[in-house]
PDB file of all heavy atoms in Angstrom:
ATOM      1  N   PRO A   1      -8.464  -1.930  15.234  1.00  0.00           N
ATOM      2  CA  PRO A   1      -8.468  -0.479  15.481  1.00  0.00           C
ATOM      3  C   PRO A   1      -7.495  -0.048  16.581  1.00  0.00           C
ATOM      4  O   PRO A   1      -7.292  -0.751  17.576  1.00  0.00           O
ATOM      5  CB  PRO A   1      -9.920  -0.202  15.889  1.00  0.00           C
ATOM      6  CG  PRO A   1     -10.705  -1.311  15.289  1.00  0.00           C
ATOM      7  CD  PRO A   1      -9.811  -2.511  15.332  1.00  0.00           C
ATOM      8  N   PHE A   2      -6.885   1.119  16.334  1.00  0.00           N
ATOM      9  CA  PHE A   2      -6.052   1.788  17.337  1.00  0.00           C
ATOM     10  C   PHE A   2      -6.879   2.913  17.959  1.00  0.00           C
ATOM     11  O   PHE A   2      -7.587   3.632  17.245  1.00  0.00           O
ATOM     12  CB  PHE A   2      -4.810   2.410  16.697  1.00  0.00           C
ATOM     13  CG  PHE A   2      -3.813   1.413  16.176  1.00  0.00           C
ATOM     14  CD1 PHE A   2      -3.954   0.860  14.924  1.00  0.00           C
ATOM     15  CD2 PHE A   2      -2.727   1.054  16.944  1.00  0.00           C
ATOM     16  CE1 PHE A   2      -3.032  -0.042  14.434  1.00  0.00           C
ATOM     17  CE2 PHE A   2      -1.787   0.146  16.471  1.00  0.00           C
ATOM     18  CZ  PHE A   2      -1.946  -0.406  15.211  1.00  0.00           C
ATOM     19  N   ASN A   3      -6.760   3.102  19.258  1.00  0.00           N
ATOM     20  CA  ASN A   3      -7.386   4.245  19.925  1.00  0.00           C
ATOM     21  C   ASN A   3      -6.311   5.257  20.288  1.00  0.00           C
ATOM     22  O   ASN A   3      -5.336   4.915  20.988  1.00  0.00           O
ATOM     23  CB  ASN A   3      -8.132   3.810  21.185  1.00  0.00           C
ATOM     24  CG  ASN A   3      -9.396   3.034  20.865  1.00  0.00           C
ATOM     25  OD1 ASN A   3     -10.009   3.239  19.838  1.00  0.00           O
ATOM     26  ND2 ASN A   3      -9.780   2.127  21.752  1.00  0.00           N
ATOM     27  N   VAL A   4      -6.474   6.490  19.809  1.00  0.00           N
ATOM     28  CA  VAL A   4      -5.515   7.553  20.109  1.00  0.00           C
ATOM     29  C   VAL A   4      -6.271   8.802  20.543  1.00  0.00           C
ATOM     30  O   VAL A   4      -7.459   8.970  20.226  1.00  0.00           O
ATOM     31  CB  VAL A   4      -4.632   7.879  18.880  1.00  0.00           C
ATOM     32  CG1 VAL A   4      -3.736   6.695  18.537  1.00  0.00           C
ATOM     33  CG2 VAL A   4      -5.481   8.268  17.679  1.00  0.00           C
ATOM     34  N   ASN A   5      -5.579   9.683  21.240  1.00  0.00           N
ATOM     35  CA  ASN A   5      -6.187  10.910  21.754  1.00  0.00           C
ATOM     36  C   ASN A   5      -5.802  12.102  20.908  1.00  0.00           C
ATOM     37  O   ASN A   5      -4.629  12.254  20.532  1.00  0.00           O
ATOM     38  CB  ASN A   5      -5.750  11.160  23.195  1.00  0.00           C
ATOM     39  CG  ASN A   5      -6.298  10.117  24.149  1.00  0.00           C
ATOM     40  OD1 ASN A   5      -7.332   9.524  23.900  1.00  0.00           O
ATOM     41  ND2 ASN A   5      -5.583   9.893  25.233  1.00  0.00           N
ATOM     42  N   ALA A   6      -6.796  12.941  20.624  1.00  0.00           N
ATOM     43  CA  ALA A   6      -6.519  14.221  19.983  1.00  0.00           C
ATOM     44  C   ALA A   6      -5.961  15.188  21.035  1.00  0.00           C
ATOM     45  O   ALA A   6      -5.843  14.851  22.216  1.00  0.00           O
ATOM     46  CB  ALA A   6      -7.773  14.782  19.336  1.00  0.00           C
ATOM     47  N   ARG A   7      -5.632  16.385  20.608  1.00  0.00           N
ATOM     48  CA  ARG A   7      -5.024  17.364  21.521  1.00  0.00           C
ATOM     49  C   ARG A   7      -5.946  17.721  22.677  1.00  0.00           C
ATOM     50  O   ARG A   7      -5.486  18.026  23.776  1.00  0.00           O
ATOM     51  CB  ARG A   7      -4.643  18.620  20.727  1.00  0.00           C
ATOM     52  CG  ARG A   7      -3.777  19.604  21.503  1.00  0.00           C
ATOM     53  CD  ARG A   7      -3.274  20.678  20.551  1.00  0.00           C
ATOM     54  NE  ARG A   7      -4.380  21.373  19.908  1.00  0.00           N
ATOM     55  CZ  ARG A   7      -4.264  22.105  18.800  1.00  0.00           C
ATOM     56  NH1 ARG A   7      -3.083  22.219  18.215  1.00  0.00           N
ATOM     57  NH2 ARG A   7      -5.313  22.711  18.279  1.00  0.00           N
ATOM     58  N   ASP A   8      -7.265  17.692  22.435  1.00  0.00           N
ATOM     59  CA  ASP A   8      -8.215  18.017  23.496  1.00  0.00           C
ATOM     60  C   ASP A   8      -8.714  16.777  24.225  1.00  0.00           C
ATOM     61  O   ASP A   8      -9.766  16.814  24.862  1.00  0.00           O
ATOM     62  CB  ASP A   8      -9.396  18.805  22.923  1.00  0.00           C
ATOM     63  CG  ASP A   8     -10.025  18.098  21.730  1.00  0.00           C
ATOM     64  OD1 ASP A   8      -9.650  16.934  21.450  1.00  0.00           O
ATOM     65  OD2 ASP A   8     -10.883  18.705  21.064  1.00  0.00           O
ATOM     66  N   ALA A   9      -7.992  15.675  24.113  1.00  0.00           N
ATOM     67  CA  ALA A   9      -8.241  14.424  24.852  1.00  0.00           C
ATOM     68  C   ALA A   9      -9.398  13.608  24.306  1.00  0.00           C
ATOM     69  O   ALA A   9      -9.760  12.592  24.898  1.00  0.00           O
ATOM     70  CB  ALA A   9      -8.460  14.701  26.338  1.00  0.00           C
ATOM     71  N   SER A  10      -9.983  13.987  23.189  1.00  0.00           N
ATOM     72  CA  SER A  10     -11.014  13.166  22.571  1.00  0.00           C
ATOM     73  C   SER A  10     -10.387  11.903  21.994  1.00  0.00           C
ATOM     74  O   SER A  10      -9.292  11.940  21.430  1.00  0.00           O
ATOM     75  CB  SER A  10     -11.728  13.943  21.455  1.00  0.00           C
ATOM     76  OG  SER A  10     -12.368  15.083  21.988  1.00  0.00           O
ATOM     77  N   ILE A  11     -11.078  10.786  22.138  1.00  0.00           N
ATOM     78  CA  ILE A  11     -10.540   9.495  21.709  1.00  0.00           C
ATOM     79  C   ILE A  11     -11.055   9.164  20.310  1.00  0.00           C
ATOM     80  O   ILE A  11     -12.265   9.110  20.077  1.00  0.00           O
ATOM     81  CB  ILE A  11     -10.917   8.378  22.692  1.00  0.00           C
ATOM     82  CG1 ILE A  11     -10.364   8.696  24.082  1.00  0.00           C
ATOM     83  CG2 ILE A  11     -10.404   7.030  22.206  1.00  0.00           C
ATOM     84  CD1 ILE A  11     -10.776   7.687  25.137  1.00  0.00           C
ATOM     85  N   PHE A  12     -10.128   8.930  19.392  1.00  0.00           N
ATOM     86  CA  PHE A  12     -10.462   8.546  18.024  1.00  0.00           C
ATOM     87  C   PHE A  12     -10.021   7.102  17.781  1.00  0.00           C
ATOM     88  O   PHE A  12      -9.024   6.643  18.342  1.00  0.00           O
ATOM     89  CB  PHE A  12      -9.757   9.462  17.015  1.00  0.00           C
ATOM     90  CG  PHE A  12     -10.359  10.822  16.898  1.00  0.00           C
ATOM     91  CD1 PHE A  12     -10.090  11.803  17.846  1.00  0.00           C
ATOM     92  CD2 PHE A  12     -11.204  11.133  15.849  1.00  0.00           C
ATOM     93  CE1 PHE A  12     -10.649  13.061  17.740  1.00  0.00           C
ATOM     94  CE2 PHE A  12     -11.765  12.394  15.734  1.00  0.00           C
ATOM     95  CZ  PHE A  12     -11.487  13.355  16.695  1.00  0.00           C
ATOM     96  N   SER A  13     -10.787   6.418  16.948  1.00  0.00           N
ATOM     97  CA  SER A  13     -10.455   5.049  16.569  1.00  0.00           C
ATOM     98  C   SER A  13      -9.912   5.043  15.144  1.00  0.00           C
ATOM     99  O   SER A  13     -10.518   5.615  14.239  1.00  0.00           O
ATOM    100  CB  SER A  13     -11.692   4.151  16.667  1.00  0.00           C
ATOM    101  OG  SER A  13     -11.397   2.834  16.257  1.00  0.00           O
ATOM    102  N   MET A  14      -8.760   4.403  14.947  1.00  0.00           N
ATOM    103  CA  MET A  14      -8.103   4.328  13.639  1.00  0.00           C
ATOM    104  C   MET A  14      -8.036   2.872  13.172  1.00  0.00           C
ATOM    105  O   MET A  14      -7.595   1.999  13.926  1.00  0.00           O
ATOM    106  CB  MET A  14      -6.683   4.896  13.718  1.00  0.00           C
ATOM    107  CG  MET A  14      -6.581   6.266  14.370  1.00  0.00           C
ATOM    108  SD  MET A  14      -7.311   7.553  13.355  1.00  0.00           S
ATOM    109  CE  MET A  14      -7.100   8.985  14.428  1.00  0.00           C
ATOM    110  N   ASP A  15      -8.492   2.632  11.946  1.00  0.00           N
ATOM    111  CA  ASP A  15      -8.428   1.293  11.366  1.00  0.00           C
ATOM    112  C   ASP A  15      -7.457   1.309  10.184  1.00  0.00           C
ATOM    113  O   ASP A  15      -7.856   1.608   9.057  1.00  0.00           O
ATOM    114  CB  ASP A  15      -9.816   0.847  10.890  1.00  0.00           C
ATOM    115  CG  ASP A  15     -10.808   0.753  12.032  1.00  0.00           C
ATOM    116  OD1 ASP A  15     -11.380   1.784  12.431  1.00  0.00           O
ATOM    117  OD2 ASP A  15     -10.992  -0.359  12.521  1.00  0.00           O
ATOM    118  N   PRO A  16      -6.176   0.995  10.424  1.00  0.00           N
ATOM    119  CA  PRO A  16      -5.184   1.137   9.348  1.00  0.00           C
ATOM    120  C   PRO A  16      -5.017  -0.126   8.511  1.00  0.00           C
ATOM    121  O   PRO A  16      -5.200  -1.252   8.984  1.00  0.00           O
ATOM    122  CB  PRO A  16      -3.899   1.434  10.124  1.00  0.00           C
ATOM    123  CG  PRO A  16      -4.080   0.689  11.409  1.00  0.00           C
ATOM    124  CD  PRO A  16      -5.558   0.703  11.713  1.00  0.00           C
ATOM    125  N   THR A  17      -4.663   0.082   7.258  1.00  0.00           N
ATOM    126  CA  THR A  17      -4.231  -0.976   6.349  1.00  0.00           C
ATOM    127  C   THR A  17      -2.953  -0.514   5.680  1.00  0.00           C
ATOM    128  O   THR A  17      -2.898   0.588   5.135  1.00  0.00           O
ATOM    129  CB  THR A  17      -5.297  -1.268   5.286  1.00  0.00           C
ATOM    130  OG1 THR A  17      -6.478  -1.750   5.923  1.00  0.00           O
ATOM    131  CG2 THR A  17      -4.808  -2.337   4.308  1.00  0.00           C
ATOM    132  N   ILE A  18      -1.920  -1.348   5.733  1.00  0.00           N
ATOM    133  CA  ILE A  18      -0.634  -0.987   5.175  1.00  0.00           C
ATOM    134  C   ILE A  18      -0.207  -2.024   4.141  1.00  0.00           C
ATOM    135  O   ILE A  18      -0.433  -3.218   4.310  1.00  0.00           O
ATOM    136  CB  ILE A  18       0.446  -0.860   6.284  1.00  0.00           C
ATOM    137  CG1 ILE A  18       1.752  -0.340   5.699  1.00  0.00           C
ATOM    138  CG2 ILE A  18       0.649  -2.176   7.009  1.00  0.00           C
ATOM    139  CD1 ILE A  18       2.797  -0.010   6.752  1.00  0.00           C
ATOM    140  N   ALA A  19       0.369  -1.544   3.050  1.00  0.00           N
ATOM    141  CA  ALA A  19       0.988  -2.403   2.044  1.00  0.00           C
ATOM    142  C   ALA A  19       2.466  -2.017   2.001  1.00  0.00           C
ATOM    143  O   ALA A  19       2.794  -0.851   1.782  1.00  0.00           O
ATOM    144  CB  ALA A  19       0.331  -2.214   0.687  1.00  0.00           C
ATOM    145  N   TYR A  20       3.337  -2.996   2.199  1.00  0.00           N
ATOM    146  CA  TYR A  20       4.768  -2.700   2.308  1.00  0.00           C
ATOM    147  C   TYR A  20       5.560  -3.859   1.708  1.00  0.00           C
ATOM    148  O   TYR A  20       5.034  -4.932   1.415  1.00  0.00           O
ATOM    149  CB  TYR A  20       5.155  -2.509   3.778  1.00  0.00           C
ATOM    150  CG  TYR A  20       5.122  -3.801   4.559  1.00  0.00           C
ATOM    151  CD1 TYR A  20       6.277  -4.558   4.749  1.00  0.00           C
ATOM    152  CD2 TYR A  20       3.924  -4.286   5.070  1.00  0.00           C
ATOM    153  CE1 TYR A  20       6.247  -5.757   5.441  1.00  0.00           C
ATOM    154  CE2 TYR A  20       3.883  -5.487   5.754  1.00  0.00           C
ATOM    155  CZ  TYR A  20       5.041  -6.222   5.940  1.00  0.00           C
ATOM    156  OH  TYR A  20       4.998  -7.415   6.610  1.00  0.00           O
ATOM    157  N   ARG A  21       6.840  -3.643   1.560  1.00  0.00           N
ATOM    158  CA  ARG A  21       7.768  -4.708   1.162  1.00  0.00           C
ATOM    159  C   ARG A  21       9.114  -4.458   1.817  1.00  0.00           C
ATOM    160  O   ARG A  21       9.424  -3.340   2.247  1.00  0.00           O
ATOM    161  CB  ARG A  21       7.921  -4.768  -0.364  1.00  0.00           C
ATOM    162  CG  ARG A  21       8.419  -3.491  -1.003  1.00  0.00           C
ATOM    163  CD  ARG A  21       8.385  -3.593  -2.520  1.00  0.00           C
ATOM    164  NE  ARG A  21       8.767  -2.339  -3.157  1.00  0.00           N
ATOM    165  CZ  ARG A  21      10.009  -1.995  -3.445  1.00  0.00           C
ATOM    166  NH1 ARG A  21      11.027  -2.841  -3.142  1.00  0.00           N
ATOM    167  NH2 ARG A  21      10.289  -0.849  -4.014  1.00  0.00           N
ATOM    168  N   ILE A  22       9.879  -5.517   1.888  1.00  0.00           N
ATOM    169  CA  ILE A  22      11.201  -5.433   2.516  1.00  0.00           C
ATOM    170  C   ILE A  22      12.240  -5.061   1.472  1.00  0.00           C
ATOM    171  O   ILE A  22      12.250  -5.616   0.365  1.00  0.00           O
ATOM    172  CB  ILE A  22      11.564  -6.771   3.179  1.00  0.00           C
ATOM    173  CG1 ILE A  22      10.674  -7.001   4.394  1.00  0.00           C
ATOM    174  CG2 ILE A  22      13.029  -6.806   3.594  1.00  0.00           C
ATOM    175  CD1 ILE A  22      10.924  -8.326   5.096  1.00  0.00           C
ATOM    176  N   ASN A  23      13.097  -4.118   1.821  1.00  0.00           N
ATOM    177  CA  ASN A  23      14.217  -3.763   0.965  1.00  0.00           C
ATOM    178  C   ASN A  23      15.247  -4.907   1.017  1.00  0.00           C
ATOM    179  O   ASN A  23      15.808  -5.177   2.080  1.00  0.00           O
ATOM    180  CB  ASN A  23      14.847  -2.461   1.448  1.00  0.00           C
ATOM    181  CG  ASN A  23      15.968  -1.988   0.547  1.00  0.00           C
ATOM    182  OD1 ASN A  23      16.388  -2.687  -0.374  1.00  0.00           O
ATOM    183  ND2 ASN A  23      16.465  -0.791   0.817  1.00  0.00           N
ATOM    184  N   PRO A  24      15.493  -5.610  -0.104  1.00  0.00           N
ATOM    185  CA  PRO A  24      16.418  -6.762  -0.067  1.00  0.00           C
ATOM    186  C   PRO A  24      17.799  -6.409   0.444  1.00  0.00           C
ATOM    187  O   PRO A  24      18.468  -7.249   1.063  1.00  0.00           O
ATOM    188  CB  PRO A  24      16.466  -7.216  -1.538  1.00  0.00           C
ATOM    189  CG  PRO A  24      15.190  -6.709  -2.135  1.00  0.00           C
ATOM    190  CD  PRO A  24      14.917  -5.413  -1.439  1.00  0.00           C
ATOM    191  N   ASP A  25      18.238  -5.176   0.203  1.00  0.00           N
ATOM    192  CA  ASP A  25      19.573  -4.776   0.648  1.00  0.00           C
ATOM    193  C   ASP A  25      19.674  -4.674   2.165  1.00  0.00           C
ATOM    194  O   ASP A  25      20.799  -4.632   2.707  1.00  0.00           O
ATOM    195  CB  ASP A  25      19.961  -3.433   0.022  1.00  0.00           C
ATOM    196  CG  ASP A  25      20.060  -3.520  -1.502  1.00  0.00           C
ATOM    197  OD1 ASP A  25      20.337  -4.624  -2.012  1.00  0.00           O
ATOM    198  OD2 ASP A  25      19.855  -2.486  -2.170  1.00  0.00           O
ATOM    199  N   LYS A  26      18.527  -4.597   2.845  1.00  0.00           N
ATOM    200  CA  LYS A  26      18.557  -4.450   4.301  1.00  0.00           C
ATOM    201  C   LYS A  26      17.948  -5.652   5.012  1.00  0.00           C
ATOM    202  O   LYS A  26      17.670  -5.592   6.216  1.00  0.00           O
ATOM    203  CB  LYS A  26      17.821  -3.173   4.718  1.00  0.00           C
ATOM    204  CG  LYS A  26      18.545  -1.908   4.311  1.00  0.00           C
ATOM    205  CD  LYS A  26      17.943  -0.696   4.989  1.00  0.00           C
ATOM    206  CE  LYS A  26      18.755   0.561   4.680  1.00  0.00           C
ATOM    207  NZ  LYS A  26      18.231   1.740   5.388  1.00  0.00           N
ATOM    208  N   ALA A  27      17.734  -6.733   4.277  1.00  0.00           N
ATOM    209  CA  ALA A  27      17.125  -7.922   4.891  1.00  0.00           C
ATOM    210  C   ALA A  27      17.999  -8.466   6.010  1.00  0.00           C
ATOM    211  O   ALA A  27      17.505  -8.853   7.082  1.00  0.00           O
ATOM    212  CB  ALA A  27      16.879  -8.982   3.827  1.00  0.00           C
ATOM    213  N   CYS A  28      19.312  -8.528   5.790  1.00  0.00           N
ATOM    214  CA  CYS A  28      20.220  -9.028   6.837  1.00  0.00           C
ATOM    215  C   CYS A  28      20.191  -8.138   8.072  1.00  0.00           C
ATOM    216  O   CYS A  28      20.218  -8.625   9.212  1.00  0.00           O
ATOM    217  CB  CYS A  28      21.640  -9.124   6.290  1.00  0.00           C
ATOM    218  SG  CYS A  28      21.897 -10.519   5.164  1.00  0.00           S
ATOM    219  N   ASP A  29      20.126  -6.836   7.853  1.00  0.00           N
ATOM    220  CA  ASP A  29      20.080  -5.906   8.993  1.00  0.00           C
ATOM    221  C   ASP A  29      18.800  -6.110   9.795  1.00  0.00           C
ATOM    222  O   ASP A  29      18.812  -6.046  11.035  1.00  0.00           O
ATOM    223  CB  ASP A  29      20.158  -4.465   8.497  1.00  0.00           C
ATOM    224  CG  ASP A  29      21.493  -4.167   7.836  1.00  0.00           C
ATOM    225  OD1 ASP A  29      22.480  -4.855   8.163  1.00  0.00           O
ATOM    226  OD2 ASP A  29      21.540  -3.264   6.971  1.00  0.00           O
ATOM    227  N   ILE A  30      17.683  -6.329   9.091  1.00  0.00           N
ATOM    228  CA  ILE A  30      16.405  -6.547   9.781  1.00  0.00           C
ATOM    229  C   ILE A  30      16.478  -7.809  10.635  1.00  0.00           C
ATOM    230  O   ILE A  30      16.094  -7.807  11.815  1.00  0.00           O
ATOM    231  CB  ILE A  30      15.257  -6.645   8.762  1.00  0.00           C
ATOM    232  CG1 ILE A  30      15.032  -5.293   8.075  1.00  0.00           C
ATOM    233  CG2 ILE A  30      13.966  -7.099   9.446  1.00  0.00           C
ATOM    234  CD1 ILE A  30      14.021  -5.342   6.954  1.00  0.00           C
ATOM    235  N   PHE A  31      16.999  -8.898  10.042  1.00  0.00           N
ATOM    236  CA  PHE A  31      17.062 -10.143  10.807  1.00  0.00           C
ATOM    237  C   PHE A  31      18.064 -10.042  11.949  1.00  0.00           C
ATOM    238  O   PHE A  31      17.823 -10.544  13.056  1.00  0.00           O
ATOM    239  CB  PHE A  31      17.448 -11.308   9.886  1.00  0.00           C
ATOM    240  CG  PHE A  31      17.522 -12.607  10.614  1.00  0.00           C
ATOM    241  CD1 PHE A  31      16.366 -13.303  10.932  1.00  0.00           C
ATOM    242  CD2 PHE A  31      18.749 -13.118  11.016  1.00  0.00           C
ATOM    243  CE1 PHE A  31      16.436 -14.507  11.626  1.00  0.00           C
ATOM    244  CE2 PHE A  31      18.823 -14.318  11.716  1.00  0.00           C
ATOM    245  CZ  PHE A  31      17.660 -15.013  12.016  1.00  0.00           C
ATOM    246  N   THR A  32      19.194  -9.397  11.707  1.00  0.00           N
ATOM    247  CA  THR A  32      20.200  -9.253  12.757  1.00  0.00           C
ATOM    248  C   THR A  32      19.633  -8.505  13.957  1.00  0.00           C
ATOM    249  O   THR A  32      19.928  -8.840  15.114  1.00  0.00           O
ATOM    250  CB  THR A  32      21.425  -8.508  12.214  1.00  0.00           C
ATOM    251  OG1 THR A  32      21.976  -9.243  11.121  1.00  0.00           O
ATOM    252  CG2 THR A  32      22.479  -8.342  13.291  1.00  0.00           C
ATOM    253  N   LYS A  33      18.784  -7.521  13.685  1.00  0.00           N
ATOM    254  CA  LYS A  33      18.268  -6.691  14.770  1.00  0.00           C
ATOM    255  C   LYS A  33      17.083  -7.333  15.480  1.00  0.00           C
ATOM    256  O   LYS A  33      16.968  -7.236  16.707  1.00  0.00           O
ATOM    257  CB  LYS A  33      17.859  -5.326  14.210  1.00  0.00           C
ATOM    258  CG  LYS A  33      17.466  -4.323  15.276  1.00  0.00           C
ATOM    259  CD  LYS A  33      17.283  -2.942  14.673  1.00  0.00           C
ATOM    260  CE  LYS A  33      16.979  -1.895  15.732  1.00  0.00           C
ATOM    261  NZ  LYS A  33      16.849  -0.537  15.162  1.00  0.00           N
ATOM    262  N   TYR A  34      16.208  -8.009  14.733  1.00  0.00           N
ATOM    263  CA  TYR A  34      14.963  -8.490  15.333  1.00  0.00           C
ATOM    264  C   TYR A  34      14.903 -10.009  15.471  1.00  0.00           C
ATOM    265  O   TYR A  34      14.154 -10.511  16.309  1.00  0.00           O
ATOM    266  CB  TYR A  34      13.768  -7.983  14.510  1.00  0.00           C
ATOM    267  CG  TYR A  34      13.674  -6.468  14.495  1.00  0.00           C
ATOM    268  CD1 TYR A  34      14.071  -5.743  13.372  1.00  0.00           C
ATOM    269  CD2 TYR A  34      13.217  -5.773  15.600  1.00  0.00           C
ATOM    270  CE1 TYR A  34      14.000  -4.360  13.357  1.00  0.00           C
ATOM    271  CE2 TYR A  34      13.141  -4.392  15.600  1.00  0.00           C
ATOM    272  CZ  TYR A  34      13.538  -3.695  14.468  1.00  0.00           C
ATOM    273  OH  TYR A  34      13.471  -2.328  14.450  1.00  0.00           O
TER     274      TYR A  34
END
């Protein structure tokens, strides 16, 4: 979980799930940078 603040300073907990893939055309750029 991530804890973030709303505009009125209330703390909310976020439980994210992401599904992603790497763009093959930018794989070299990703490795070069990171």
